[in-house]
Amino acid sequence: MSMLTEHLREFEGCKLTAYKCPAGVWTIGYGHTGQDVHEGLTITQDRADELLSQDLAWVRRCIEKTVHVPLDAGQEAAVSSLIFNIGATNWRKSTALKRLNNGNYLGAADAMTWFRKAGGKVMPGLVRRREAERQMFLSGMEAGPAEDMPQKVEGGEAKPTVKSKEIAASITGVIGTVGAMWGQAQDQLAPLIAWGREYAMWILLALFVFFLANRLWAMKRGDR
């Protein structure tokens, strides 16, 4: 967790006296919040380190419960930093998590940068932090061609690669889009189809009468 700890210490800083963050939440130590933090509270450096360890423990539990795809060290650190900052509730309903669990790693990295507001305003500090998290998340994926090769796991089966999962997610998205368009087309054509079924006999009868009348008219004129 050294990568994550270093990242948090850079962006959170450490304040031993409670303060209100830009969102108006009482905070202390390395970005620790909760009912135990209130105006006038002061702590020691050892207590700040202890609170950081406790917070990272619940962040890890959150990742274990919500993330269902493999994460490398950089990706886990980036996701942990984001959850630490925005909270478990916002993470669970985020587009970043949905994309990640669908195997869309690049899309997830982009969606992570959307959390850049505090108190309804875009904060330069959050913009810089989100970009740092995005770069951390993508650092392992940019390592080289070896990342694209399947990795052997116990039992001889191959792990899906990042690219293969992205391709599969893209194909799934296209299929879903086509399916949705076909469903909409069926809904729009349903009244016409129902009308055709109801009046099919009358339509056929009208065509037969038209054909017969046309044939009789031709015979009357002496055509064969």
C-alpha atoms as a PDB file:
ATOM      1  CA  MET A   1       0.000   0.000   0.000  1.00  0.00           C
ATOM      2  CA  SER A   2       3.071   2.282  -0.087  1.00  0.00           C
ATOM      3  CA  MET A   3       2.017   3.742  -3.462  1.00  0.00           C
ATOM      4  CA  LEU A   4      -1.422   4.563  -2.118  1.00  0.00           C
ATOM      5  CA  THR A   5      -0.142   5.907   1.204  1.00  0.00           C
ATOM      6  CA  GLU A   6       2.313   8.203  -0.552  1.00  0.00           C
ATOM      7  CA  HIS A   7      -0.443   9.403  -2.888  1.00  0.00           C
ATOM      8  CA  LEU A   8      -2.858  10.117  -0.021  1.00  0.00           C
ATOM      9  CA  ARG A   9      -0.251  11.943   2.002  1.00  0.00           C
ATOM     10  CA  GLU A  10       0.438  14.168  -0.991  1.00  0.00           C
ATOM     11  CA  PHE A  11      -3.176  15.041  -1.766  1.00  0.00           C
ATOM     12  CA  GLU A  12      -4.806  14.822   1.652  1.00  0.00           C
ATOM     13  CA  GLY A  13      -1.987  16.280   3.710  1.00  0.00           C
ATOM     14  CA  CYS A  14      -2.077  15.769   7.457  1.00  0.00           C
ATOM     15  CA  LYS A  15      -3.762  18.197   9.809  1.00  0.00           C
ATOM     16  CA  LEU A  16      -3.889  17.410  13.515  1.00  0.00           C
ATOM     17  CA  THR A  17      -6.696  19.897  14.215  1.00  0.00           C
ATOM     18  CA  ALA A  18     -10.186  19.396  12.821  1.00  0.00           C
ATOM     19  CA  TYR A  19     -11.104  21.569   9.843  1.00  0.00           C
ATOM     20  CA  LYS A  20     -13.905  21.831   7.314  1.00  0.00           C
ATOM     21  CA  CYS A  21     -13.075  20.572   3.831  1.00  0.00           C
ATOM     22  CA  PRO A  22     -14.373  22.452   0.743  1.00  0.00           C
ATOM     23  CA  ALA A  23     -17.551  20.339   0.928  1.00  0.00           C
ATOM     24  CA  GLY A  24     -18.189  21.588   4.465  1.00  0.00           C
ATOM     25  CA  VAL A  25     -17.368  18.286   6.237  1.00  0.00           C
ATOM     26  CA  TRP A  26     -15.321  18.201   9.418  1.00  0.00           C
ATOM     27  CA  THR A  27     -12.015  16.468   8.640  1.00  0.00           C
ATOM     28  CA  ILE A  28      -8.832  15.600  10.482  1.00  0.00           C
ATOM     29  CA  GLY A  29      -5.564  13.735   9.936  1.00  0.00           C
ATOM     30  CA  TYR A  30      -5.186  12.334   6.407  1.00  0.00           C
ATOM     31  CA  GLY A  31      -8.677  13.231   5.227  1.00  0.00           C
ATOM     32  CA  HIS A  32     -10.458  11.278   7.962  1.00  0.00           C
ATOM     33  CA  THR A  33     -14.149  12.106   8.388  1.00  0.00           C
ATOM     34  CA  GLY A  34     -16.962  10.707  10.500  1.00  0.00           C
ATOM     35  CA  GLN A  35     -19.070  11.305  13.585  1.00  0.00           C
ATOM     36  CA  ASP A  36     -15.928  11.230  15.719  1.00  0.00           C
ATOM     37  CA  VAL A  37     -14.623  14.390  14.022  1.00  0.00           C
ATOM     38  CA  HIS A  38     -15.911  17.705  15.336  1.00  0.00           C
ATOM     39  CA  GLU A  39     -14.915  21.305  15.774  1.00  0.00           C
ATOM     40  CA  GLY A  40     -12.013  21.773  18.183  1.00  0.00           C
ATOM     41  CA  LEU A  41     -10.798  18.166  17.959  1.00  0.00           C
ATOM     42  CA  THR A  42      -7.014  17.680  18.003  1.00  0.00           C
ATOM     43  CA  ILE A  43      -5.023  14.454  17.638  1.00  0.00           C
ATOM     44  CA  THR A  44      -1.417  13.285  17.644  1.00  0.00           C
ATOM     45  CA  GLN A  45       0.574  12.184  14.611  1.00  0.00           C
ATOM     46  CA  ASP A  46       0.386   8.573  15.813  1.00  0.00           C
ATOM     47  CA  ARG A  47      -3.416   8.824  15.982  1.00  0.00           C
ATOM     48  CA  ALA A  48      -3.498  10.297  12.462  1.00  0.00           C
ATOM     49  CA  ASP A  49      -1.490   7.313  11.170  1.00  0.00           C
ATOM     50  CA  GLU A  50      -3.821   4.942  13.027  1.00  0.00           C
ATOM     51  CA  LEU A  51      -6.925   6.564  11.513  1.00  0.00           C
ATOM     52  CA  LEU A  52      -5.379   6.308   8.047  1.00  0.00           C
ATOM     53  CA  SER A  53      -4.814   2.567   8.527  1.00  0.00           C
ATOM     54  CA  GLN A  54      -8.401   2.129   9.709  1.00  0.00           C
ATOM     55  CA  ASP A  55      -9.787   4.062   6.748  1.00  0.00           C
ATOM     56  CA  LEU A  56      -7.710   2.081   4.255  1.00  0.00           C
ATOM     57  CA  ALA A  57      -9.067  -1.131   5.812  1.00  0.00           C
ATOM     58  CA  TRP A  58     -12.690  -0.195   5.030  1.00  0.00           C
ATOM     59  CA  VAL A  59     -11.650   0.965   1.574  1.00  0.00           C
ATOM     60  CA  ARG A  60     -10.136  -2.486   0.895  1.00  0.00           C
ATOM     61  CA  ARG A  61     -13.334  -4.162   2.113  1.00  0.00           C
ATOM     62  CA  CYS A  62     -15.346  -1.912  -0.213  1.00  0.00           C
ATOM     63  CA  ILE A  63     -13.209  -2.931  -3.180  1.00  0.00           C
ATOM     64  CA  GLU A  64     -13.543  -6.627  -2.314  1.00  0.00           C
ATOM     65  CA  LYS A  65     -17.338  -6.316  -2.237  1.00  0.00           C
ATOM     66  CA  THR A  66     -17.837  -4.157  -5.325  1.00  0.00           C
ATOM     67  CA  VAL A  67     -15.065  -4.873  -7.826  1.00  0.00           C
ATOM     68  CA  HIS A  68     -15.401  -8.163  -9.715  1.00  0.00           C
ATOM     69  CA  VAL A  69     -12.484  -7.898 -12.159  1.00  0.00           C
ATOM     70  CA  PRO A  70      -8.714  -8.196 -11.602  1.00  0.00           C
ATOM     71  CA  LEU A  71      -6.818  -5.068 -10.565  1.00  0.00           C
ATOM     72  CA  ASP A  72      -3.077  -4.536 -10.713  1.00  0.00           C
ATOM     73  CA  ALA A  73      -1.276  -2.580  -7.994  1.00  0.00           C
ATOM     74  CA  GLY A  74      -1.676   0.792  -9.717  1.00  0.00           C
ATOM     75  CA  GLN A  75      -5.360   0.230 -10.459  1.00  0.00           C
ATOM     76  CA  GLU A  76      -6.099  -0.840  -6.890  1.00  0.00           C
ATOM     77  CA  ALA A  77      -4.239   2.170  -5.496  1.00  0.00           C
ATOM     78  CA  ALA A  78      -6.112   4.557  -7.813  1.00  0.00           C
ATOM     79  CA  VAL A  79      -9.515   3.067  -6.997  1.00  0.00           C
ATOM     80  CA  SER A  80      -8.674   3.098  -3.281  1.00  0.00           C
ATOM     81  CA  SER A  81      -7.748   6.778  -3.437  1.00  0.00           C
ATOM     82  CA  LEU A  82     -10.996   7.606  -5.215  1.00  0.00           C
ATOM     83  CA  ILE A  83     -13.155   5.650  -2.735  1.00  0.00           C
ATOM     84  CA  PHE A  84     -11.247   7.181   0.173  1.00  0.00           C
ATOM     85  CA  ASN A  85     -12.139  10.612  -1.179  1.00  0.00           C
ATOM     86  CA  ILE A  86     -15.735  10.209  -2.427  1.00  0.00           C
ATOM     87  CA  GLY A  87     -17.013   7.509  -0.049  1.00  0.00           C
ATOM     88  CA  ALA A  88     -18.399   4.005  -0.576  1.00  0.00           C
ATOM     89  CA  THR A  89     -21.941   5.127  -1.458  1.00  0.00           C
ATOM     90  CA  ASN A  90     -20.866   7.357  -4.337  1.00  0.00           C
ATOM     91  CA  TRP A  91     -18.495   4.654  -5.563  1.00  0.00           C
ATOM     92  CA  ARG A  92     -21.183   1.931  -5.607  1.00  0.00           C
ATOM     93  CA  LYS A  93     -23.469   3.976  -7.867  1.00  0.00           C
ATOM     94  CA  SER A  94     -20.699   5.411 -10.048  1.00  0.00           C
ATOM     95  CA  THR A  95     -20.278   4.948 -13.782  1.00  0.00           C
ATOM     96  CA  ALA A  96     -16.602   4.190 -13.099  1.00  0.00           C
ATOM     97  CA  LEU A  97     -17.527   1.036 -11.151  1.00  0.00           C
ATOM     98  CA  LYS A  98     -20.058  -0.090 -13.770  1.00  0.00           C
ATOM     99  CA  ARG A  99     -17.527   0.308 -16.571  1.00  0.00           C
ATOM    100  CA  LEU A 100     -14.829  -1.412 -14.552  1.00  0.00           C
ATOM    101  CA  ASN A 101     -16.974  -4.460 -13.815  1.00  0.00           C
ATOM    102  CA  ASN A 102     -17.886  -4.616 -17.519  1.00  0.00           C
ATOM    103  CA  GLY A 103     -14.192  -4.896 -18.334  1.00  0.00           C
ATOM    104  CA  ASN A 104     -13.981  -1.378 -19.773  1.00  0.00           C
ATOM    105  CA  TYR A 105     -10.811  -0.326 -17.968  1.00  0.00           C
ATOM    106  CA  LEU A 106     -10.108   2.741 -20.127  1.00  0.00           C
ATOM    107  CA  GLY A 107     -13.698   3.950 -19.772  1.00  0.00           C
ATOM    108  CA  ALA A 108     -13.520   3.447 -16.006  1.00  0.00           C
ATOM    109  CA  ALA A 109     -10.336   5.512 -15.806  1.00  0.00           C
ATOM    110  CA  ASP A 110     -12.029   8.371 -17.663  1.00  0.00           C
ATOM    111  CA  ALA A 111     -15.165   8.185 -15.488  1.00  0.00           C
ATOM    112  CA  MET A 112     -13.043   8.436 -12.342  1.00  0.00           C
ATOM    113  CA  THR A 113     -12.105  11.994 -13.342  1.00  0.00           C
ATOM    114  CA  TRP A 114     -15.747  13.116 -13.181  1.00  0.00           C
ATOM    115  CA  PHE A 115     -15.571  13.461  -9.380  1.00  0.00           C
ATOM    116  CA  ARG A 116     -14.016  16.897  -9.345  1.00  0.00           C
ATOM    117  CA  LYS A 117     -16.613  19.042  -7.602  1.00  0.00           C
ATOM    118  CA  ALA A 118     -17.008  20.050  -3.968  1.00  0.00           C
ATOM    119  CA  GLY A 119     -19.933  22.145  -2.841  1.00  0.00           C
ATOM    120  CA  GLY A 120     -21.176  22.173  -6.440  1.00  0.00           C
ATOM    121  CA  LYS A 121     -18.003  23.812  -7.764  1.00  0.00           C
ATOM    122  CA  VAL A 122     -15.139  22.345  -9.769  1.00  0.00           C
ATOM    123  CA  MET A 123     -12.071  22.382  -7.523  1.00  0.00           C
ATOM    124  CA  PRO A 124      -8.609  22.668  -9.136  1.00  0.00           C
ATOM    125  CA  GLY A 125      -7.183  20.428  -6.424  1.00  0.00           C
ATOM    126  CA  LEU A 126      -9.699  17.684  -7.223  1.00  0.00           C
ATOM    127  CA  VAL A 127      -9.057  18.033 -10.952  1.00  0.00           C
ATOM    128  CA  ARG A 128      -5.344  17.502 -10.301  1.00  0.00           C
ATOM    129  CA  ARG A 129      -6.024  14.588  -7.950  1.00  0.00           C
ATOM    130  CA  ARG A 130      -8.405  12.835 -10.338  1.00  0.00           C
ATOM    131  CA  GLU A 131      -5.880  13.117 -13.165  1.00  0.00           C
ATOM    132  CA  ALA A 132      -3.154  11.691 -10.923  1.00  0.00           C
ATOM    133  CA  GLU A 133      -5.461   8.777 -10.048  1.00  0.00           C
ATOM    134  CA  ARG A 134      -6.232   8.214 -13.721  1.00  0.00           C
ATOM    135  CA  GLN A 135      -2.531   8.107 -14.583  1.00  0.00           C
ATOM    136  CA  MET A 136      -1.895   5.727 -11.700  1.00  0.00           C
ATOM    137  CA  PHE A 137      -4.755   3.495 -12.867  1.00  0.00           C
ATOM    138  CA  LEU A 138      -3.416   3.364 -16.434  1.00  0.00           C
ATOM    139  CA  SER A 139       0.279   3.038 -15.529  1.00  0.00           C
ATOM    140  CA  GLY A 140       0.278  -0.772 -15.563  1.00  0.00           C
ATOM    141  CA  MET A 141      -1.711  -0.943 -18.806  1.00  0.00           C
ATOM    142  CA  GLU A 142       0.909   1.190 -20.542  1.00  0.00           C
ATOM    143  CA  ALA A 143       3.741  -1.155 -19.559  1.00  0.00           C
ATOM    144  CA  GLY A 144       4.003  -2.746 -23.033  1.00  0.00           C
ATOM    145  CA  PRO A 145       2.894  -5.587 -25.328  1.00  0.00           C
ATOM    146  CA  ALA A 146       3.355  -8.215 -22.604  1.00  0.00           C
ATOM    147  CA  GLU A 147       0.188  -6.870 -21.022  1.00  0.00           C
ATOM    148  CA  ASP A 148      -1.766  -8.112 -24.045  1.00  0.00           C
ATOM    149  CA  MET A 149      -0.677 -11.728 -23.612  1.00  0.00           C
ATOM    150  CA  PRO A 150      -2.894 -14.193 -21.675  1.00  0.00           C
ATOM    151  CA  GLN A 151      -1.511 -15.047 -18.252  1.00  0.00           C
ATOM    152  CA  LYS A 152      -1.516 -18.625 -17.083  1.00  0.00           C
ATOM    153  CA  VAL A 153      -3.275 -19.342 -13.829  1.00  0.00           C
ATOM    154  CA  GLU A 154      -3.621 -22.421 -11.680  1.00  0.00           C
ATOM    155  CA  GLY A 155      -5.379 -25.190 -13.550  1.00  0.00           C
ATOM    156  CA  GLY A 156      -3.906 -24.200 -16.905  1.00  0.00           C
ATOM    157  CA  GLU A 157      -6.628 -21.722 -17.830  1.00  0.00           C
ATOM    158  CA  ALA A 158      -5.739 -18.328 -19.246  1.00  0.00           C
ATOM    159  CA  LYS A 159      -6.788 -15.080 -17.628  1.00  0.00           C
ATOM    160  CA  PRO A 160      -8.590 -12.656 -19.945  1.00  0.00           C
ATOM    161  CA  THR A 161      -6.303  -9.793 -20.934  1.00  0.00           C
ATOM    162  CA  VAL A 162      -7.241  -6.151 -20.655  1.00  0.00           C
ATOM    163  CA  LYS A 163      -7.575  -5.807 -24.429  1.00  0.00           C
ATOM    164  CA  SER A 164      -9.662  -8.945 -24.819  1.00  0.00           C
ATOM    165  CA  LYS A 165     -12.013  -7.732 -22.098  1.00  0.00           C
ATOM    166  CA  GLU A 166     -12.277  -4.312 -23.743  1.00  0.00           C
ATOM    167  CA  ILE A 167     -13.086  -5.926 -27.104  1.00  0.00           C
ATOM    168  CA  ALA A 168     -15.652  -8.213 -25.497  1.00  0.00           C
ATOM    169  CA  ALA A 169     -17.225  -5.246 -23.708  1.00  0.00           C
ATOM    170  CA  SER A 170     -17.358  -3.291 -26.976  1.00  0.00           C
ATOM    171  CA  ILE A 171     -19.002  -6.198 -28.814  1.00  0.00           C
ATOM    172  CA  THR A 172     -21.485  -6.599 -25.983  1.00  0.00           C
ATOM    173  CA  GLY A 173     -22.262  -2.890 -26.160  1.00  0.00           C
ATOM    174  CA  VAL A 174     -22.854  -3.034 -29.930  1.00  0.00           C
ATOM    175  CA  ILE A 175     -25.112  -6.072 -29.562  1.00  0.00           C
ATOM    176  CA  GLY A 176     -27.033  -4.315 -26.804  1.00  0.00           C
ATOM    177  CA  THR A 177     -27.449  -1.205 -28.944  1.00  0.00           C
ATOM    178  CA  VAL A 178     -28.668  -3.202 -31.959  1.00  0.00           C
ATOM    179  CA  GLY A 179     -31.043  -5.129 -29.723  1.00  0.00           C
ATOM    180  CA  ALA A 180     -32.442  -1.926 -28.276  1.00  0.00           C
ATOM    181  CA  MET A 181     -32.928  -0.453 -31.770  1.00  0.00           C
ATOM    182  CA  TRP A 182     -34.702  -3.613 -32.958  1.00  0.00           C
ATOM    183  CA  GLY A 183     -36.930  -3.533 -29.891  1.00  0.00           C
ATOM    184  CA  GLN A 184     -37.846   0.087 -30.567  1.00  0.00           C
ATOM    185  CA  ALA A 185     -38.561  -0.733 -34.230  1.00  0.00           C
ATOM    186  CA  GLN A 186     -40.841  -3.587 -33.201  1.00  0.00           C
ATOM    187  CA  ASP A 187     -42.691  -1.291 -30.808  1.00  0.00           C
ATOM    188  CA  GLN A 188     -43.213   1.286 -33.571  1.00  0.00           C
ATOM    189  CA  LEU A 189     -44.297  -1.310 -36.159  1.00  0.00           C
ATOM    190  CA  ALA A 190     -46.533  -3.260 -33.785  1.00  0.00           C
ATOM    191  CA  PRO A 191     -49.741  -1.293 -34.607  1.00  0.00           C
ATOM    192  CA  LEU A 192     -49.139  -1.693 -38.359  1.00  0.00           C
ATOM    193  CA  ILE A 193     -48.469  -5.420 -37.981  1.00  0.00           C
ATOM    194  CA  ALA A 194     -51.588  -5.885 -35.858  1.00  0.00           C
ATOM    195  CA  TRP A 195     -53.686  -3.959 -38.417  1.00  0.00           C
ATOM    196  CA  GLY A 196     -52.266  -6.116 -41.231  1.00  0.00           C
ATOM    197  CA  ARG A 197     -53.130  -9.328 -39.436  1.00  0.00           C
ATOM    198  CA  GLU A 198     -56.675  -8.179 -38.706  1.00  0.00           C
ATOM    199  CA  TYR A 199     -57.442  -7.065 -42.282  1.00  0.00           C
ATOM    200  CA  ALA A 200     -55.278  -9.569 -44.185  1.00  0.00           C
ATOM    201  CA  MET A 201     -58.311 -11.465 -45.552  1.00  0.00           C
ATOM    202  CA  TRP A 202     -59.963  -8.296 -46.796  1.00  0.00           C
ATOM    203  CA  ILE A 203     -56.740  -7.138 -48.406  1.00  0.00           C
ATOM    204  CA  LEU A 204     -56.330 -10.468 -50.216  1.00  0.00           C
ATOM    205  CA  LEU A 205     -59.980 -10.383 -51.327  1.00  0.00           C
ATOM    206  CA  ALA A 206     -59.561  -6.844 -52.679  1.00  0.00           C
ATOM    207  CA  LEU A 207     -56.453  -7.907 -54.605  1.00  0.00           C
ATOM    208  CA  PHE A 208     -58.309 -10.921 -56.043  1.00  0.00           C
ATOM    209  CA  VAL A 209     -61.254  -8.756 -57.161  1.00  0.00           C
ATOM    210  CA  PHE A 210     -58.865  -6.257 -58.713  1.00  0.00           C
ATOM    211  CA  PHE A 211     -57.039  -9.032 -60.580  1.00  0.00           C
ATOM    212  CA  LEU A 212     -60.310 -10.626 -61.742  1.00  0.00           C
ATOM    213  CA  ALA A 213     -61.762  -7.311 -62.904  1.00  0.00           C
ATOM    214  CA  ASN A 214     -58.569  -6.496 -64.753  1.00  0.00           C
ATOM    215  CA  ARG A 215     -58.632  -9.914 -66.449  1.00  0.00           C
ATOM    216  CA  LEU A 216     -62.274  -9.561 -67.485  1.00  0.00           C
ATOM    217  CA  TRP A 217     -61.608  -6.122 -68.888  1.00  0.00           C
ATOM    218  CA  ALA A 218     -58.730  -7.489 -70.921  1.00  0.00           C
ATOM    219  CA  MET A 219     -60.889 -10.320 -72.294  1.00  0.00           C
ATOM    220  CA  LYS A 220     -63.595  -7.836 -73.236  1.00  0.00           C
ATOM    221  CA  ARG A 221     -61.072  -5.909 -75.289  1.00  0.00           C
ATOM    222  CA  GLY A 222     -60.067  -9.141 -77.025  1.00  0.00           C
ATOM    223  CA  ASP A 223     -56.705  -9.499 -75.279  1.00  0.00           C
ATOM    224  CA  ARG A 224     -55.532 -12.926 -74.311  1.00  0.00           C
END
